């Protein structure tokens, strides 16, 4: 929460944890008469509340956070791969269309991956899961091999090799649908934190120049 990272939205609360904070208790430095420390309880009415929500740890020690909860809902997710020629114009428009919108830009291949991500009613059919691949545990041996390859490419100024490796990685993400599954139950510890069901679908957009090697 303190970093303000991930999940912000151009409208609504999005999925950033700090946007749901209602009250925060923080221990801050104080003068000697107060014992050099003071416990402060802040809410949205306080002028410092927004700063404390994303304090980065520099304003004190957060000891308690009260969050605003919402009724359970589902999210419908579609990934669309597009040319990045109109990315500057599309970014704000796209962000205003989808509550949990996300764009991943891969400039070296002139591609952008748009995540169309919206809340839908809980009674909407479908109970997919979003077991996002980059967040899964990875074998140390595989990580080591990848790192060694990167170092060799760096030493040898192997730009083509770097692009090929990046294309291989991103094509694997597409092939695996980014970890989205339709109506499949998966017993995996890495997804136990997910509190909403996901209706998962992948849509290929025909204006891509290459269907499998599309992003770096």
Protein backbone atom coordinates (compact mmCIF):
# COMPACT_ATOMS: atom_id res chain seq x y z
CA UNK A 1 0.00 0.00 0.00
CA UNK A 2 2.72 2.46 0.93
CA UNK A 3 4.23 2.46 -2.58
CA UNK A 4 0.95 3.29 -4.33
CA UNK A 5 1.91 0.70 -6.91
CA UNK A 6 -0.36 -1.25 -9.26
CA UNK A 7 -4.05 -1.09 -9.85
CA UNK A 8 -4.74 2.61 -10.26
CA UNK A 9 -7.61 3.64 -12.50
CA UNK A 10 -8.68 6.77 -14.34
CA UNK A 11 -12.13 6.39 -12.79
CA UNK A 12 -13.55 4.63 -9.79
CA UNK A 13 -11.24 3.19 -7.15
CA UNK A 14 -9.60 0.65 -9.41
CA UNK A 15 -7.76 -2.08 -7.54
CA UNK A 16 -5.07 -0.09 -5.72
CA UNK A 17 -5.15 -0.98 -2.04
CA UNK A 18 -4.41 2.57 -0.90
CA UNK A 19 -7.55 3.83 -2.65
CA UNK A 20 -9.64 1.74 -0.24
CA UNK A 21 -7.99 3.01 2.94
CA UNK A 22 -10.53 4.68 5.25
CA UNK A 23 -8.39 5.16 8.35
CA UNK A 24 -4.69 4.75 9.08
CA UNK A 25 -2.85 4.60 12.40
CA UNK A 26 0.77 5.71 12.13
CA UNK A 27 3.57 6.25 14.64
CA UNK A 28 5.50 9.40 13.76
CA UNK A 29 8.49 11.20 15.28
CA UNK A 30 7.64 13.79 17.92
CA UNK A 31 9.24 16.27 20.27
CA UNK A 32 10.73 15.30 23.64
CA UNK A 33 7.61 16.17 25.66
CA UNK A 34 5.76 13.49 23.69
CA UNK A 35 8.44 10.87 24.23
CA UNK A 36 9.91 11.37 20.74
CA UNK A 37 7.04 9.41 19.19
CA UNK A 38 3.35 10.02 18.62
CA UNK A 39 0.53 7.71 17.57
CA UNK A 40 -1.69 9.45 15.05
CA UNK A 41 -4.99 8.18 13.65
CA UNK A 42 -5.92 9.81 10.36
CA UNK A 43 -8.89 9.50 8.00
CA UNK A 44 -10.05 11.15 4.77
CA UNK A 45 -10.92 14.38 6.58
CA UNK A 46 -7.27 15.02 7.49
CA UNK A 47 -5.11 17.07 5.12
CA UNK A 48 -2.21 14.60 5.44
CA UNK A 49 -4.26 11.50 4.72
CA UNK A 50 -3.37 11.14 1.03
CA UNK A 51 0.33 11.50 1.84
CA UNK A 52 0.14 8.90 4.60
CA UNK A 53 -1.59 6.40 2.30
CA UNK A 54 1.49 6.26 0.06
CA UNK A 55 4.10 7.25 2.61
CA UNK A 56 6.88 4.99 1.27
CA UNK A 57 7.78 4.55 4.94
CA UNK A 58 9.32 8.00 5.32
CA UNK A 59 6.61 9.59 7.50
CA UNK A 60 6.51 6.93 10.18
CA UNK A 61 5.47 3.36 10.92
CA UNK A 62 1.98 2.35 9.86
CA UNK A 63 0.52 0.05 12.50
CA UNK A 64 -3.10 -0.30 11.44
CA UNK A 65 -5.19 0.26 8.31
CA UNK A 66 -8.97 0.20 8.00
CA UNK A 67 -10.11 -0.68 4.48
CA UNK A 68 -13.43 -0.08 2.76
CA UNK A 69 -14.87 -3.38 1.55
CA UNK A 70 -17.09 -3.98 -1.45
CA UNK A 71 -19.59 -6.73 -2.27
CA UNK A 72 -18.03 -9.59 -4.21
CA UNK A 73 -18.06 -9.19 -7.99
CA UNK A 74 -16.55 -10.84 -11.04
CA UNK A 75 -14.18 -9.37 -13.59
CA UNK A 76 -14.27 -9.96 -17.32
CA UNK A 77 -10.79 -9.88 -18.88
CA UNK A 78 -9.79 -9.81 -22.53
CA UNK A 79 -6.25 -9.38 -23.82
CA UNK A 80 -5.88 -7.62 -27.18
CA UNK A 81 -2.56 -7.27 -29.01
CA UNK A 82 -2.33 -4.21 -31.23
CA UNK A 83 0.12 -2.10 -33.16
CA UNK A 84 1.43 0.80 -31.05
CA UNK A 85 1.16 3.45 -33.78
CA UNK A 86 -1.80 5.10 -32.04
CA UNK A 87 -0.81 4.31 -28.45
CA UNK A 88 -0.46 7.95 -27.40
CA UNK A 89 -3.97 8.73 -28.59
CA UNK A 90 -5.52 5.51 -27.32
CA UNK A 91 -4.07 5.43 -23.79
CA UNK A 92 -6.46 7.89 -22.15
CA UNK A 93 -9.44 6.80 -24.25
CA UNK A 94 -8.84 3.17 -23.37
CA UNK A 95 -8.29 3.97 -19.70
CA UNK A 96 -11.62 5.75 -19.52
CA UNK A 97 -13.47 2.82 -21.07
CA UNK A 98 -12.39 0.10 -18.63
CA UNK A 99 -12.27 0.34 -14.85
CA UNK A 100 -9.26 -1.96 -14.45
CA UNK A 101 -7.67 -1.16 -17.81
CA UNK A 102 -4.00 -1.99 -18.31
CA UNK A 103 -1.58 -1.44 -21.21
CA UNK A 104 1.80 -3.12 -21.53
CA UNK A 105 3.95 -1.43 -24.17
CA UNK A 106 6.73 -3.20 -26.07
CA UNK A 107 8.28 -0.43 -28.18
CA UNK A 108 11.02 -2.52 -29.79
CA UNK A 109 8.37 -4.53 -31.61
CA UNK A 110 5.92 -1.67 -32.00
CA UNK A 111 3.26 -3.54 -30.07
CA UNK A 112 1.01 -2.88 -27.12
CA UNK A 113 -1.00 -5.42 -25.14
CA UNK A 114 -4.32 -4.00 -23.97
CA UNK A 115 -6.10 -5.65 -21.06
CA UNK A 116 -9.83 -4.99 -21.26
CA UNK A 117 -10.76 -5.52 -17.64
CA UNK A 118 -14.19 -4.67 -16.23
CA UNK A 119 -16.35 -5.68 -13.28
CA UNK A 120 -19.47 -7.68 -14.05
CA UNK A 121 -22.29 -8.93 -11.81
CA UNK A 122 -21.57 -11.91 -9.60
CA UNK A 123 -24.30 -13.94 -11.31
CA UNK A 124 -22.60 -13.63 -14.71
CA UNK A 125 -21.91 -17.09 -16.12
CA UNK A 126 -18.34 -18.38 -16.01
CA UNK A 127 -15.89 -19.01 -13.18
CA UNK A 128 -12.42 -18.70 -14.62
CA UNK A 129 -9.19 -18.05 -12.74
CA UNK A 130 -6.35 -15.62 -13.36
CA UNK A 131 -3.17 -17.45 -12.41
CA UNK A 132 -0.88 -14.74 -13.81
CA UNK A 133 2.24 -16.44 -15.16
CA UNK A 134 4.87 -13.81 -14.18
CA UNK A 135 3.71 -14.07 -10.55
CA UNK A 136 4.16 -17.84 -10.36
CA UNK A 137 7.10 -19.51 -8.65
CA UNK A 138 9.99 -20.23 -11.02
CA UNK A 139 12.68 -22.87 -10.58
CA UNK A 140 16.03 -21.44 -9.51
CA UNK A 141 17.81 -23.41 -12.22
CA UNK A 142 15.62 -21.85 -14.89
CA UNK A 143 16.16 -18.35 -13.50
CA UNK A 144 19.89 -18.96 -13.44
CA UNK A 145 19.90 -20.15 -17.04
CA UNK A 146 17.94 -17.12 -18.17
CA UNK A 147 20.28 -14.79 -16.32
CA UNK A 148 23.36 -16.47 -17.80
CA UNK A 149 21.93 -16.11 -21.28
CA UNK A 150 21.26 -12.42 -20.69
CA UNK A 151 24.79 -11.84 -19.46
CA UNK A 152 26.30 -13.58 -22.48
CA UNK A 153 24.15 -11.50 -24.81
CA UNK A 154 25.14 -8.33 -22.98
CA UNK A 155 28.87 -9.06 -23.15
CA UNK A 156 28.62 -9.95 -26.83
CA UNK A 157 26.41 -6.98 -27.72
CA UNK A 158 24.01 -9.53 -29.15
CA UNK A 159 20.99 -7.33 -29.90
CA UNK A 160 19.40 -9.94 -32.16
CA UNK A 161 19.73 -12.55 -29.44
CA UNK A 162 18.05 -10.26 -26.91
CA UNK A 163 15.13 -9.66 -29.26
CA UNK A 164 14.78 -13.37 -29.96
CA UNK A 165 14.77 -14.17 -26.25
CA UNK A 166 12.17 -11.50 -25.58
CA UNK A 167 9.97 -12.77 -28.40
CA UNK A 168 10.22 -16.29 -27.05
CA UNK A 169 9.14 -15.15 -23.59
CA UNK A 170 6.23 -13.06 -24.75
CA UNK A 171 5.02 -15.63 -27.25
CA UNK A 172 4.95 -18.15 -24.41
CA UNK A 173 2.72 -15.77 -22.43
CA UNK A 174 0.31 -15.56 -25.33
CA UNK A 175 0.32 -19.31 -25.89
CA UNK A 176 -0.52 -19.84 -22.22
CA UNK A 177 -3.22 -17.13 -22.36
CA UNK A 178 -1.35 -15.15 -19.69
CA UNK A 179 -2.55 -17.65 -17.10
CA UNK A 180 -6.26 -17.13 -17.74
CA UNK A 181 -8.52 -20.16 -17.58
CA UNK A 182 -12.20 -20.59 -18.40
CA UNK A 183 -14.31 -22.54 -15.89
CA UNK A 184 -11.33 -24.52 -14.61
CA UNK A 185 -10.63 -25.07 -10.93
CA UNK A 186 -6.93 -24.97 -10.08
CA UNK A 187 -5.60 -25.84 -6.65
CA UNK A 188 -2.48 -23.69 -6.58
CA UNK A 189 -1.11 -21.71 -3.61
CA UNK A 190 -0.11 -18.77 -5.77
CA UNK A 191 -3.72 -17.90 -6.52
CA UNK A 192 -5.27 -18.16 -3.08
CA UNK A 193 -5.12 -14.37 -2.73
CA UNK A 194 -7.57 -13.81 -5.56
CA UNK A 195 -10.85 -12.62 -4.06
CA UNK A 196 -12.85 -12.27 -7.25
CA UNK A 197 -13.75 -14.81 -9.89
CA UNK A 198 -12.55 -14.08 -13.39
CA UNK A 199 -14.31 -14.62 -16.67
CA UNK A 200 -11.38 -15.28 -18.92
CA UNK A 201 -11.11 -14.97 -22.63
CA UNK A 202 -8.33 -14.14 -25.05
CA UNK A 203 -9.04 -12.24 -28.22
CA UNK A 204 -6.56 -12.02 -31.06
CA UNK A 205 -6.70 -8.69 -32.87
CA UNK A 206 -6.08 -8.97 -36.60
CA UNK A 207 -4.04 -5.80 -36.95
CA UNK A 208 -1.01 -7.46 -35.35
CA UNK A 209 1.95 -7.98 -37.63
CA UNK A 210 2.84 -11.32 -36.08
CA UNK A 211 0.56 -13.52 -34.05
CA UNK A 212 3.11 -15.41 -31.96
CA UNK A 213 6.16 -13.18 -31.90
CA UNK A 214 4.58 -9.89 -31.10
CA UNK A 215 6.14 -8.19 -28.11
CA UNK A 216 9.51 -7.55 -26.47
